[in-house]
PDB file of N, CA and C in Angstrom:
ATOM      1  N   MET A   1      40.853  30.057 -19.693  1.00  0.00           N
ATOM      2  CA  MET A   1      40.069  30.507 -18.562  1.00  0.00           C
ATOM      3  C   MET A   1      40.666  31.816 -18.058  1.00  0.00           C
ATOM      4  N   ARG A   2      39.831  32.715 -17.661  1.00  0.00           N
ATOM      5  CA  ARG A   2      40.266  34.026 -17.191  1.00  0.00           C
ATOM      6  C   ARG A   2      40.200  34.089 -15.665  1.00  0.00           C
ATOM      7  N   HIS A   3      41.188  34.740 -15.110  1.00  0.00           N
ATOM      8  CA  HIS A   3      41.205  34.944 -13.659  1.00  0.00           C
ATOM      9  C   HIS A   3      40.914  36.416 -13.384  1.00  0.00           C
ATOM     10  N   GLU A   4      39.904  36.686 -12.567  1.00  0.00           N
ATOM     11  CA  GLU A   4      39.546  38.063 -12.242  1.00  0.00           C
ATOM     12  C   GLU A   4      40.498  38.628 -11.193  1.00  0.00           C
ATOM     13  N   TYR A   5      40.668  39.941 -11.251  1.00  0.00           N
ATOM     14  CA  TYR A   5      41.446  40.633 -10.231  1.00  0.00           C
ATOM     15  C   TYR A   5      40.719  40.538  -8.898  1.00  0.00           C
ATOM     16  N   PRO A   6      41.430  40.615  -7.768  1.00  0.00           N
ATOM     17  CA  PRO A   6      40.762  40.568  -6.452  1.00  0.00           C
ATOM     18  C   PRO A   6      39.687  41.647  -6.310  1.00  0.00           C
ATOM     19  N   GLU A   7      39.902  42.781  -6.961  1.00  0.00           N
ATOM     20  CA  GLU A   7      38.929  43.869  -6.880  1.00  0.00           C
ATOM     21  C   GLU A   7      37.571  43.450  -7.424  1.00  0.00           C
ATOM     22  N   TYR A   8      37.559  42.554  -8.389  1.00  0.00           N
ATOM     23  CA  TYR A   8      36.298  42.106  -8.988  1.00  0.00           C
ATOM     24  C   TYR A   8      35.367  41.565  -7.912  1.00  0.00           C
ATOM     25  N   TRP A   9      35.915  40.793  -6.994  1.00  0.00           N
ATOM     26  CA  TRP A   9      35.112  40.209  -5.923  1.00  0.00           C
ATOM     27  C   TRP A   9      34.956  41.157  -4.743  1.00  0.00           C
ATOM     28  N   ALA A  10      36.025  41.852  -4.371  1.00  0.00           N
ATOM     29  CA  ALA A  10      36.002  42.686  -3.166  1.00  0.00           C
ATOM     30  C   ALA A  10      35.023  43.845  -3.266  1.00  0.00           C
ATOM     31  N   TYR A  11      35.029  44.573  -4.376  1.00  0.00           N
ATOM     32  CA  TYR A  11      34.128  45.725  -4.476  1.00  0.00           C
ATOM     33  C   TYR A  11      32.668  45.298  -4.475  1.00  0.00           C
ATOM     34  N   GLY A  12      32.357  44.187  -5.076  1.00  0.00           N
ATOM     35  CA  GLY A  12      30.973  43.716  -5.073  1.00  0.00           C
ATOM     36  C   GLY A  12      30.479  43.330  -3.696  1.00  0.00           C
ATOM     37  N   LEU A  13      31.370  42.822  -2.862  1.00  0.00           N
ATOM     38  CA  LEU A  13      31.000  42.441  -1.508  1.00  0.00           C
ATOM     39  C   LEU A  13      30.956  43.634  -0.562  1.00  0.00           C
ATOM     40  N   CYS A  14      31.853  44.588  -0.767  1.00  0.00           N
ATOM     41  CA  CYS A  14      32.028  45.675   0.195  1.00  0.00           C
ATOM     42  C   CYS A  14      31.317  46.971  -0.171  1.00  0.00           C
ATOM     43  N   CYS A  15      30.975  47.166  -1.439  1.00  0.00           N
ATOM     44  CA  CYS A  15      30.425  48.448  -1.872  1.00  0.00           C
ATOM     45  C   CYS A  15      29.059  48.298  -2.524  1.00  0.00           C
ATOM     46  N   VAL A  16      28.273  49.359  -2.429  1.00  0.00           N
ATOM     47  CA  VAL A  16      26.984  49.467  -3.099  1.00  0.00           C
ATOM     48  C   VAL A  16      27.261  50.041  -4.492  1.00  0.00           C
ATOM     49  N   PRO A  17      26.592  49.561  -5.552  1.00  0.00           N
ATOM     50  CA  PRO A  17      26.830  50.109  -6.890  1.00  0.00           C
ATOM     51  C   PRO A  17      26.582  51.625  -6.952  1.00  0.00           C
ATOM     52  N   ASP A  18      27.259  52.295  -7.881  1.00  0.00           N
ATOM     53  CA  ASP A  18      27.075  53.740  -8.051  1.00  0.00           C
ATOM     54  C   ASP A  18      25.689  54.003  -8.656  1.00  0.00           C
ATOM     55  N   PRO A  19      25.278  55.277  -8.802  1.00  0.00           N
ATOM     56  CA  PRO A  19      23.940  55.580  -9.319  1.00  0.00           C
ATOM     57  C   PRO A  19      23.655  54.955 -10.691  1.00  0.00           C
ATOM     58  N   ALA A  20      24.686  54.673 -11.476  1.00  0.00           N
ATOM     59  CA  ALA A  20      24.490  54.042 -12.782  1.00  0.00           C
ATOM     60  C   ALA A  20      24.430  52.517 -12.664  1.00  0.00           C
ATOM     61  N   GLY A  21      24.525  51.985 -11.428  1.00  0.00           N
ATOM     62  CA  GLY A  21      24.453  50.543 -11.213  1.00  0.00           C
ATOM     63  C   GLY A  21      25.758  49.821 -11.466  1.00  0.00           C
ATOM     64  N   ARG A  22      26.878  50.560 -11.467  1.00  0.00           N
ATOM     65  CA  ARG A  22      28.171  49.956 -11.768  1.00  0.00           C
ATOM     66  C   ARG A  22      29.016  49.785 -10.519  1.00  0.00           C
ATOM     67  N   LEU A  23      29.843  48.742 -10.551  1.00  0.00           N
ATOM     68  CA  LEU A  23      30.873  48.517  -9.542  1.00  0.00           C
ATOM     69  C   LEU A  23      32.197  48.347 -10.268  1.00  0.00           C
ATOM     70  N   PRO A  24      33.304  48.742  -9.646  1.00  0.00           N
ATOM     71  CA  PRO A  24      34.599  48.510 -10.274  1.00  0.00           C
ATOM     72  C   PRO A  24      34.828  47.004 -10.424  1.00  0.00           C
ATOM     73  N   ALA A  25      35.415  46.610 -11.523  1.00  0.00           N
ATOM     74  CA  ALA A  25      35.685  45.195 -11.756  1.00  0.00           C
ATOM     75  C   ALA A  25      37.180  44.917 -11.871  1.00  0.00           C
ATOM     76  N   GLY A  26      38.034  45.895 -11.595  1.00  0.00           N
ATOM     77  CA  GLY A  26      39.471  45.673 -11.607  1.00  0.00           C
ATOM     78  C   GLY A  26      40.179  46.041 -12.886  1.00  0.00           C
ATOM     79  N   ASP A  27      39.423  46.281 -13.946  1.00  0.00           N
ATOM     80  CA  ASP A  27      40.075  46.677 -15.193  1.00  0.00           C
ATOM     81  C   ASP A  27      39.156  47.600 -15.996  1.00  0.00           C
ATOM     82  N   GLY A  28      39.706  48.708 -16.447  1.00  0.00           N
ATOM     83  CA  GLY A  28      38.948  49.649 -17.258  1.00  0.00           C
ATOM     84  C   GLY A  28      37.889  50.434 -16.518  1.00  0.00           C
ATOM     85  N   ASP A  29      38.087  50.699 -15.243  1.00  0.00           N
ATOM     86  CA  ASP A  29      37.082  51.389 -14.440  1.00  0.00           C
ATOM     87  C   ASP A  29      37.465  52.828 -14.119  1.00  0.00           C
ATOM     88  N   GLU A  30      38.206  53.459 -15.004  1.00  0.00           N
ATOM     89  CA  GLU A  30      38.716  54.790 -14.710  1.00  0.00           C
ATOM     90  C   GLU A  30      37.608  55.829 -14.534  1.00  0.00           C
ATOM     91  N   ASP A  31      36.438  55.596 -15.124  1.00  0.00           N
ATOM     92  CA  ASP A  31      35.372  56.593 -15.033  1.00  0.00           C
ATOM     93  C   ASP A  31      34.503  56.444 -13.786  1.00  0.00           C
ATOM     94  N   ILE A  32      34.761  55.432 -12.956  1.00  0.00           N
ATOM     95  CA  ILE A  32      34.018  55.280 -11.703  1.00  0.00           C
ATOM     96  C   ILE A  32      34.756  56.042 -10.608  1.00  0.00           C
ATOM     97  N   ASP A  33      34.013  56.853  -9.869  1.00  0.00           N
ATOM     98  CA  ASP A  33      34.598  57.661  -8.807  1.00  0.00           C
ATOM     99  C   ASP A  33      34.639  56.819  -7.520  1.00  0.00           C
ATOM    100  N   PHE A  34      35.757  56.144  -7.296  1.00  0.00           N
ATOM    101  CA  PHE A  34      35.888  55.210  -6.176  1.00  0.00           C
ATOM    102  C   PHE A  34      35.544  55.811  -4.819  1.00  0.00           C
ATOM    103  N   PRO A  35      36.034  57.016  -4.477  1.00  0.00           N
ATOM    104  CA  PRO A  35      35.745  57.542  -3.128  1.00  0.00           C
ATOM    105  C   PRO A  35      34.263  57.796  -2.865  1.00  0.00           C
ATOM    106  N   THR A  36      33.450  57.882  -3.899  1.00  0.00           N
ATOM    107  CA  THR A  36      32.029  58.146  -3.676  1.00  0.00           C
ATOM    108  C   THR A  36      31.204  56.872  -3.502  1.00  0.00           C
ATOM    109  N   LEU A  37      31.815  55.705  -3.696  1.00  0.00           N
ATOM    110  CA  LEU A  37      31.066  54.462  -3.517  1.00  0.00           C
ATOM    111  C   LEU A  37      30.692  54.282  -2.050  1.00  0.00           C
ATOM    112  N   GLU A  38      29.443  53.921  -1.822  1.00  0.00           N
ATOM    113  CA  GLU A  38      28.960  53.689  -0.464  1.00  0.00           C
ATOM    114  C   GLU A  38      29.393  52.295  -0.003  1.00  0.00           C
ATOM    115  N   VAL A  39      29.894  52.202   1.211  1.00  0.00           N
ATOM    116  CA  VAL A  39      30.331  50.922   1.778  1.00  0.00           C
ATOM    117  C   VAL A  39      29.121  50.210   2.370  1.00  0.00           C
ATOM    118  N   ARG A  40      28.995  48.925   2.062  1.00  0.00           N
ATOM    119  CA  ARG A  40      27.886  48.139   2.613  1.00  0.00           C
ATOM    120  C   ARG A  40      28.066  47.991   4.132  1.00  0.00           C
ATOM    121  N   PRO A  41      26.972  47.947   4.877  1.00  0.00           N
ATOM    122  CA  PRO A  41      27.098  47.756   6.329  1.00  0.00           C
ATOM    123  C   PRO A  41      27.557  46.332   6.656  1.00  0.00           C
ATOM    124  N   ALA A  42      28.142  46.183   7.822  1.00  0.00           N
ATOM    125  CA  ALA A  42      28.572  44.862   8.296  1.00  0.00           C
ATOM    126  C   ALA A  42      27.343  44.006   8.583  1.00  0.00           C
ATOM    127  N   PRO A  43      27.462  42.689   8.495  1.00  0.00           N
ATOM    128  CA  PRO A  43      26.334  41.815   8.854  1.00  0.00           C
ATOM    129  C   PRO A  43      25.956  42.020  10.322  1.00  0.00           C
ATOM    130  N   PRO A  44      24.713  41.770  10.666  1.00  0.00           N
ATOM    131  CA  PRO A  44      24.291  41.946  12.053  1.00  0.00           C
ATOM    132  C   PRO A  44      25.065  41.044  13.008  1.00  0.00           C
ATOM    133  N   SER A  45      25.197  41.490  14.220  1.00  0.00           N
ATOM    134  CA  SER A  45      25.869  40.699  15.245  1.00  0.00           C
ATOM    135  C   SER A  45      25.137  39.376  15.411  1.00  0.00           C
ATOM    136  N   GLY A  46      25.888  38.287  15.489  1.00  0.00           N
ATOM    137  CA  GLY A  46      25.295  36.973  15.634  1.00  0.00           C
ATOM    138  C   GLY A  46      24.960  36.304  14.310  1.00  0.00           C
ATOM    139  N   SER A  47      25.149  37.004  13.197  1.00  0.00           N
ATOM    140  CA  SER A  47      24.878  36.440  11.875  1.00  0.00           C
ATOM    141  C   SER A  47      25.918  35.378  11.506  1.00  0.00           C
ATOM    142  N   SER A  48      25.505  34.363  10.769  1.00  0.00           N
ATOM    143  CA  SER A  48      26.446  33.334  10.322  1.00  0.00           C
ATOM    144  C   SER A  48      27.434  33.891   9.294  1.00  0.00           C
ATOM    145  N   ALA A  49      27.146  35.074   8.743  1.00  0.00           N
ATOM    146  CA  ALA A  49      28.049  35.709   7.783  1.00  0.00           C
ATOM    147  C   ALA A  49      29.258  36.336   8.471  1.00  0.00           C
ATOM    148  N   ARG A  50      29.189  36.547   9.766  1.00  0.00           N
ATOM    149  CA  ARG A  50      30.339  37.096  10.497  1.00  0.00           C
ATOM    150  C   ARG A  50      31.392  36.021  10.675  1.00  0.00           C
ATOM    151  N   THR A  51      32.635  36.376  10.354  1.00  0.00           N
ATOM    152  CA  THR A  51      33.705  35.392  10.471  1.00  0.00           C
ATOM    153  C   THR A  51      34.743  35.762  11.521  1.00  0.00           C
ATOM    154  N   LEU A  52      34.646  36.945  12.104  1.00  0.00           N
ATOM    155  CA  LEU A  52      35.578  37.385  13.121  1.00  0.00           C
ATOM    156  C   LEU A  52      34.870  37.533  14.455  1.00  0.00           C
ATOM    157  N   ALA A  53      35.543  37.208  15.512  1.00  0.00           N
ATOM    158  CA  ALA A  53      34.980  37.380  16.841  1.00  0.00           C
ATOM    159  C   ALA A  53      34.888  38.870  17.152  1.00  0.00           C
ATOM    160  N   GLU A  54      33.900  39.228  17.940  1.00  0.00           N
ATOM    161  CA  GLU A  54      33.743  40.647  18.298  1.00  0.00           C
ATOM    162  C   GLU A  54      34.553  41.005  19.507  1.00  0.00           C
TER     163      GLU A  54
END
């Protein structure tokens, strides 16, 4: 069984894919320009997806 790097999960949750539809997966992603990835917006206030108090 393979264990993914934390980046595999974190980038998919926090970032929008690049124009080619790719997200970093933690290994072999040298050709993805990390600083240009768009960050996904936070869930709306009052959403059940929020886990921290405001």
